[in-house]
Amino acid sequence: MMNIASFILLLLDEDYMLPCLNKQLLGLECTGCGIQRAAVLLFHGEFIEAFNMYPAIYPLILLLGFLLLDNLMAIKYANKISIFLMIASVTTILINFILKFF
């Protein structure tokens, strides 16, 4: 059975990245195109390149980190903070998606 560390390393191998079916079938990038490559760039310490690949990677990491932290301990105003981070993530994703067309 594969442990978590080897599974993460397998996901970071560019030979095993999932292809975007939307891009393959329709020729158009989806709202998530680039997130896998941005995650790989982050793990390699290439922070600016990760942002250039998928700008929503940082708001999504903040949201994920906050939600994990909120599960471990009680945080005052957790609902408002999580809603703000969700809106920031979705807004960044949509702006990035729209800008790909220009």
N, C-alpha and C. Protein backbone atom coordinates (compact mmCIF):
# COMPACT_ATOMS: atom_id res chain seq x y z
N MET A 1 0.84 -1.19 0.00
CA MET A 1 0.00 0.00 0.00
C MET A 1 0.88 1.24 0.00
N MET A 2 0.49 2.21 -0.82
CA MET A 2 1.29 3.41 -1.00
C MET A 2 1.03 4.38 0.17
N ASN A 3 2.10 4.89 0.77
CA ASN A 3 1.89 5.86 1.84
C ASN A 3 1.70 7.25 1.27
N ILE A 4 1.37 8.19 2.11
CA ILE A 4 1.01 9.54 1.66
C ILE A 4 2.19 10.24 1.01
N ALA A 5 3.39 10.11 1.57
CA ALA A 5 4.55 10.82 1.01
C ALA A 5 4.86 10.33 -0.41
N SER A 6 4.82 9.03 -0.63
CA SER A 6 5.10 8.53 -1.98
C SER A 6 3.98 8.90 -2.94
N PHE A 7 2.76 8.98 -2.46
CA PHE A 7 1.64 9.41 -3.30
C PHE A 7 1.82 10.86 -3.74
N ILE A 8 2.24 11.72 -2.81
CA ILE A 8 2.48 13.13 -3.15
C ILE A 8 3.62 13.25 -4.15
N LEU A 9 4.69 12.49 -3.94
CA LEU A 9 5.80 12.51 -4.88
C LEU A 9 5.38 12.03 -6.26
N LEU A 10 4.50 11.06 -6.30
CA LEU A 10 3.99 10.57 -7.58
C LEU A 10 3.17 11.65 -8.28
N LEU A 11 2.38 12.40 -7.51
CA LEU A 11 1.59 13.48 -8.10
C LEU A 11 2.47 14.61 -8.63
N LEU A 12 3.64 14.79 -8.02
CA LEU A 12 4.54 15.85 -8.45
C LEU A 12 5.37 15.47 -9.67
N ASP A 13 5.33 14.21 -10.06
CA ASP A 13 6.04 13.77 -11.24
C ASP A 13 5.24 14.20 -12.47
N GLU A 14 5.86 14.96 -13.34
CA GLU A 14 5.16 15.52 -14.49
C GLU A 14 4.67 14.45 -15.46
N ASP A 15 5.25 13.25 -15.40
CA ASP A 15 4.80 12.17 -16.28
C ASP A 15 3.44 11.63 -15.88
N TYR A 16 3.02 11.87 -14.65
CA TYR A 16 1.75 11.33 -14.14
C TYR A 16 0.68 12.38 -13.95
N MET A 17 0.87 13.57 -14.49
CA MET A 17 -0.15 14.62 -14.35
C MET A 17 -1.38 14.27 -15.17
N LEU A 18 -2.52 14.63 -14.64
CA LEU A 18 -3.78 14.39 -15.33
C LEU A 18 -3.96 15.39 -16.46
N PRO A 19 -4.36 14.95 -17.64
CA PRO A 19 -4.60 15.89 -18.74
C PRO A 19 -5.95 16.58 -18.56
N CYS A 20 -6.08 17.75 -19.11
CA CYS A 20 -7.35 18.47 -19.06
C CYS A 20 -8.23 17.97 -20.21
N LEU A 21 -9.29 17.27 -19.86
CA LEU A 21 -10.18 16.73 -20.89
C LEU A 21 -10.90 17.84 -21.66
N ASN A 22 -11.21 18.92 -20.96
CA ASN A 22 -11.86 20.04 -21.62
C ASN A 22 -10.97 20.61 -22.71
N LYS A 23 -9.70 20.74 -22.41
CA LYS A 23 -8.75 21.28 -23.38
C LYS A 23 -8.53 20.30 -24.53
N GLN A 24 -8.48 19.00 -24.23
CA GLN A 24 -8.27 18.00 -25.27
C GLN A 24 -9.48 17.86 -26.18
N LEU A 25 -10.67 17.88 -25.61
CA LEU A 25 -11.87 17.66 -26.41
C LEU A 25 -12.39 18.91 -27.10
N LEU A 26 -12.36 20.04 -26.37
CA LEU A 26 -12.94 21.27 -26.91
C LEU A 26 -11.90 22.28 -27.38
N GLY A 27 -10.67 22.09 -26.96
CA GLY A 27 -9.62 23.04 -27.34
C GLY A 27 -9.60 24.30 -26.49
N LEU A 28 -10.40 24.33 -25.43
CA LEU A 28 -10.46 25.49 -24.54
C LEU A 28 -9.97 25.10 -23.16
N GLU A 29 -9.21 25.98 -22.54
CA GLU A 29 -8.76 25.71 -21.18
C GLU A 29 -9.91 25.87 -20.21
N CYS A 30 -9.91 25.06 -19.16
CA CYS A 30 -10.93 25.16 -18.13
C CYS A 30 -10.45 26.09 -17.02
N THR A 31 -11.27 26.27 -16.01
CA THR A 31 -10.91 27.18 -14.92
C THR A 31 -9.81 26.61 -14.04
N GLY A 32 -9.54 25.32 -14.15
CA GLY A 32 -8.50 24.70 -13.32
C GLY A 32 -7.22 24.39 -14.07
N CYS A 33 -7.16 24.74 -15.35
CA CYS A 33 -5.96 24.45 -16.13
C CYS A 33 -4.75 25.17 -15.54
N GLY A 34 -3.74 24.40 -15.23
CA GLY A 34 -2.50 24.96 -14.70
C GLY A 34 -2.29 24.73 -13.23
N ILE A 35 -3.31 24.26 -12.51
CA ILE A 35 -3.17 24.13 -11.06
C ILE A 35 -2.18 23.02 -10.68
N GLN A 36 -2.16 21.94 -11.44
CA GLN A 36 -1.19 20.86 -11.14
C GLN A 36 0.24 21.33 -11.37
N ARG A 37 0.46 21.99 -12.50
CA ARG A 37 1.82 22.47 -12.80
C ARG A 37 2.22 23.55 -11.81
N ALA A 38 1.27 24.39 -11.37
CA ALA A 38 1.58 25.42 -10.37
C ALA A 38 1.96 24.78 -9.05
N ALA A 39 1.28 23.70 -8.67
CA ALA A 39 1.62 22.99 -7.43
C ALA A 39 3.02 22.40 -7.52
N VAL A 40 3.36 21.84 -8.66
CA VAL A 40 4.71 21.29 -8.85
C VAL A 40 5.74 22.41 -8.75
N LEU A 41 5.46 23.53 -9.37
CA LEU A 41 6.38 24.67 -9.30
C LEU A 41 6.55 25.15 -7.86
N LEU A 42 5.47 25.16 -7.09
CA LEU A 42 5.56 25.55 -5.69
C LEU A 42 6.46 24.61 -4.91
N PHE A 43 6.31 23.32 -5.12
CA PHE A 43 7.13 22.34 -4.41
C PHE A 43 8.60 22.42 -4.82
N HIS A 44 8.86 22.96 -6.00
CA HIS A 44 10.24 23.16 -6.44
C HIS A 44 10.77 24.53 -6.03
N GLY A 45 9.95 25.32 -5.34
CA GLY A 45 10.38 26.62 -4.85
C GLY A 45 10.33 27.74 -5.87
N GLU A 46 9.64 27.52 -6.97
CA GLU A 46 9.52 28.53 -8.02
C GLU A 46 8.19 29.26 -7.84
N PHE A 47 8.18 30.20 -6.90
CA PHE A 47 6.93 30.84 -6.46
C PHE A 47 6.36 31.79 -7.50
N ILE A 48 7.20 32.56 -8.16
CA ILE A 48 6.71 33.50 -9.17
C ILE A 48 6.18 32.75 -10.39
N GLU A 49 6.90 31.70 -10.78
CA GLU A 49 6.45 30.90 -11.92
C GLU A 49 5.12 30.21 -11.61
N ALA A 50 4.95 29.78 -10.36
CA ALA A 50 3.69 29.16 -9.95
C ALA A 50 2.55 30.16 -10.06
N PHE A 51 2.80 31.38 -9.63
CA PHE A 51 1.77 32.42 -9.75
C PHE A 51 1.46 32.70 -11.21
N ASN A 52 2.48 32.77 -12.04
CA ASN A 52 2.26 33.02 -13.47
C ASN A 52 1.49 31.88 -14.12
N MET A 53 1.71 30.66 -13.67
CA MET A 53 1.02 29.50 -14.23
C MET A 53 -0.45 29.48 -13.81
N TYR A 54 -0.71 29.75 -12.53
CA TYR A 54 -2.08 29.70 -12.01
C TYR A 54 -2.19 30.66 -10.82
N PRO A 55 -2.60 31.90 -11.06
CA PRO A 55 -2.61 32.91 -10.00
C PRO A 55 -3.48 32.57 -8.79
N ALA A 56 -4.46 31.72 -8.95
CA ALA A 56 -5.35 31.39 -7.83
C ALA A 56 -4.73 30.39 -6.87
N ILE A 57 -3.51 29.94 -7.13
CA ILE A 57 -2.89 28.94 -6.26
C ILE A 57 -2.72 29.48 -4.85
N TYR A 58 -2.36 30.73 -4.70
CA TYR A 58 -2.13 31.28 -3.36
C TYR A 58 -3.41 31.50 -2.56
N PRO A 59 -4.47 32.08 -3.13
CA PRO A 59 -5.71 32.16 -2.36
C PRO A 59 -6.28 30.77 -2.01
N LEU A 60 -6.09 29.80 -2.90
CA LEU A 60 -6.57 28.45 -2.61
C LEU A 60 -5.78 27.80 -1.48
N ILE A 61 -4.47 28.04 -1.45
CA ILE A 61 -3.64 27.50 -0.37
C ILE A 61 -4.03 28.16 0.96
N LEU A 62 -4.27 29.47 0.94
CA LEU A 62 -4.71 30.15 2.15
C LEU A 62 -6.04 29.59 2.64
N LEU A 63 -6.96 29.38 1.71
CA LEU A 63 -8.27 28.83 2.07
C LEU A 63 -8.14 27.43 2.65
N LEU A 64 -7.38 26.58 1.99
CA LEU A 64 -7.18 25.22 2.48
C LEU A 64 -6.51 25.22 3.85
N GLY A 65 -5.48 26.02 4.00
CA GLY A 65 -4.80 26.10 5.29
C GLY A 65 -5.71 26.60 6.40
N PHE A 66 -6.51 27.61 6.08
CA PHE A 66 -7.43 28.14 7.09
C PHE A 66 -8.49 27.11 7.47
N LEU A 67 -9.04 26.41 6.48
CA LEU A 67 -10.05 25.40 6.78
C LEU A 67 -9.47 24.26 7.62
N LEU A 68 -8.24 23.86 7.34
CA LEU A 68 -7.60 22.83 8.17
C LEU A 68 -7.36 23.33 9.59
N LEU A 69 -6.90 24.57 9.71
CA LEU A 69 -6.68 25.16 11.03
C LEU A 69 -7.98 25.31 11.80
N ASP A 70 -9.04 25.69 11.09
CA ASP A 70 -10.34 25.86 11.73
C ASP A 70 -10.87 24.53 12.26
N ASN A 71 -10.53 23.43 11.61
CA ASN A 71 -10.94 22.12 12.11
C ASN A 71 -10.18 21.71 13.35
N LEU A 72 -8.98 22.21 13.52
CA LEU A 72 -8.15 21.84 14.66
C LEU A 72 -8.44 22.68 15.90
N MET A 73 -8.84 23.93 15.69
CA MET A 73 -9.09 24.82 16.83
C MET A 73 -10.20 25.80 16.49
N ALA A 74 -10.81 26.33 17.51
CA ALA A 74 -11.89 27.29 17.31
C ALA A 74 -11.29 28.66 16.99
N ILE A 75 -11.74 29.23 15.89
CA ILE A 75 -11.25 30.54 15.46
C ILE A 75 -12.42 31.51 15.45
N LYS A 76 -12.19 32.65 16.08
CA LYS A 76 -13.23 33.68 16.12
C LYS A 76 -13.44 34.22 14.70
N TYR A 77 -14.67 34.41 14.32
CA TYR A 77 -15.07 34.90 13.00
C TYR A 77 -14.64 33.96 11.88
N ALA A 78 -14.59 32.67 12.15
CA ALA A 78 -14.15 31.69 11.15
C ALA A 78 -15.04 31.70 9.91
N ASN A 79 -16.35 31.85 10.10
CA ASN A 79 -17.25 31.86 8.95
C ASN A 79 -16.97 33.04 8.03
N LYS A 80 -16.78 34.21 8.60
CA LYS A 80 -16.52 35.40 7.79
C LYS A 80 -15.18 35.29 7.07
N ILE A 81 -14.18 34.78 7.75
CA ILE A 81 -12.86 34.63 7.13
C ILE A 81 -12.91 33.61 6.01
N SER A 82 -13.57 32.48 6.24
CA SER A 82 -13.63 31.46 5.20
C SER A 82 -14.45 31.95 4.00
N ILE A 83 -15.51 32.68 4.23
CA ILE A 83 -16.29 33.24 3.12
C ILE A 83 -15.44 34.24 2.33
N PHE A 84 -14.69 35.08 3.02
CA PHE A 84 -13.81 36.03 2.33
C PHE A 84 -12.78 35.29 1.49
N LEU A 85 -12.15 34.25 2.04
CA LEU A 85 -11.14 33.50 1.30
C LEU A 85 -11.76 32.75 0.12
N MET A 86 -12.98 32.26 0.28
CA MET A 86 -13.66 31.60 -0.83
C MET A 86 -13.95 32.59 -1.96
N ILE A 87 -14.44 33.77 -1.60
CA ILE A 87 -14.73 34.78 -2.61
C ILE A 87 -13.45 35.22 -3.31
N ALA A 88 -12.37 35.39 -2.55
CA ALA A 88 -11.09 35.77 -3.14
C ALA A 88 -10.60 34.70 -4.10
N SER A 89 -10.76 33.44 -3.73
CA SER A 89 -10.32 32.34 -4.59
C SER A 89 -11.13 32.28 -5.88
N VAL A 90 -12.45 32.32 -5.75
CA VAL A 90 -13.31 32.24 -6.93
C VAL A 90 -13.10 33.45 -7.84
N THR A 91 -12.95 34.62 -7.26
CA THR A 91 -12.72 35.83 -8.05
C THR A 91 -11.41 35.72 -8.82
N THR A 92 -10.37 35.26 -8.16
CA THR A 92 -9.07 35.10 -8.83
C THR A 92 -9.16 34.07 -9.94
N ILE A 93 -9.85 32.97 -9.70
CA ILE A 93 -10.01 31.93 -10.72
C ILE A 93 -10.75 32.49 -11.93
N LEU A 94 -11.84 33.21 -11.69
CA LEU A 94 -12.63 33.74 -12.80
C LEU A 94 -11.89 34.83 -13.58
N ILE A 95 -11.19 35.70 -12.88
CA ILE A 95 -10.41 36.74 -13.57
C ILE A 95 -9.33 36.10 -14.43
N ASN A 96 -8.63 35.11 -13.89
CA ASN A 96 -7.60 34.40 -14.64
C ASN A 96 -8.20 33.73 -15.87
N PHE A 97 -9.35 33.10 -15.71
CA PHE A 97 -10.02 32.42 -16.83
C PHE A 97 -10.42 33.41 -17.92
N ILE A 98 -10.96 34.55 -17.53
CA ILE A 98 -11.38 35.57 -18.50
C ILE A 98 -10.17 36.17 -19.22
N LEU A 99 -9.08 36.42 -18.48
CA LEU A 99 -7.90 37.01 -19.09
C LEU A 99 -7.21 36.07 -20.07
N LYS A 100 -7.44 34.78 -19.98
CA LYS A 100 -6.86 33.83 -20.94
C LYS A 100 -7.40 34.03 -22.32
N PHE A 101 -8.59 34.63 -22.44
CA PHE A 101 -9.19 34.84 -23.74
C PHE A 101 -8.66 36.09 -24.45
N PHE A 102 -7.92 36.93 -23.73
CA PHE A 102 -7.42 38.17 -24.33
C PHE A 102 -5.98 38.10 -24.69
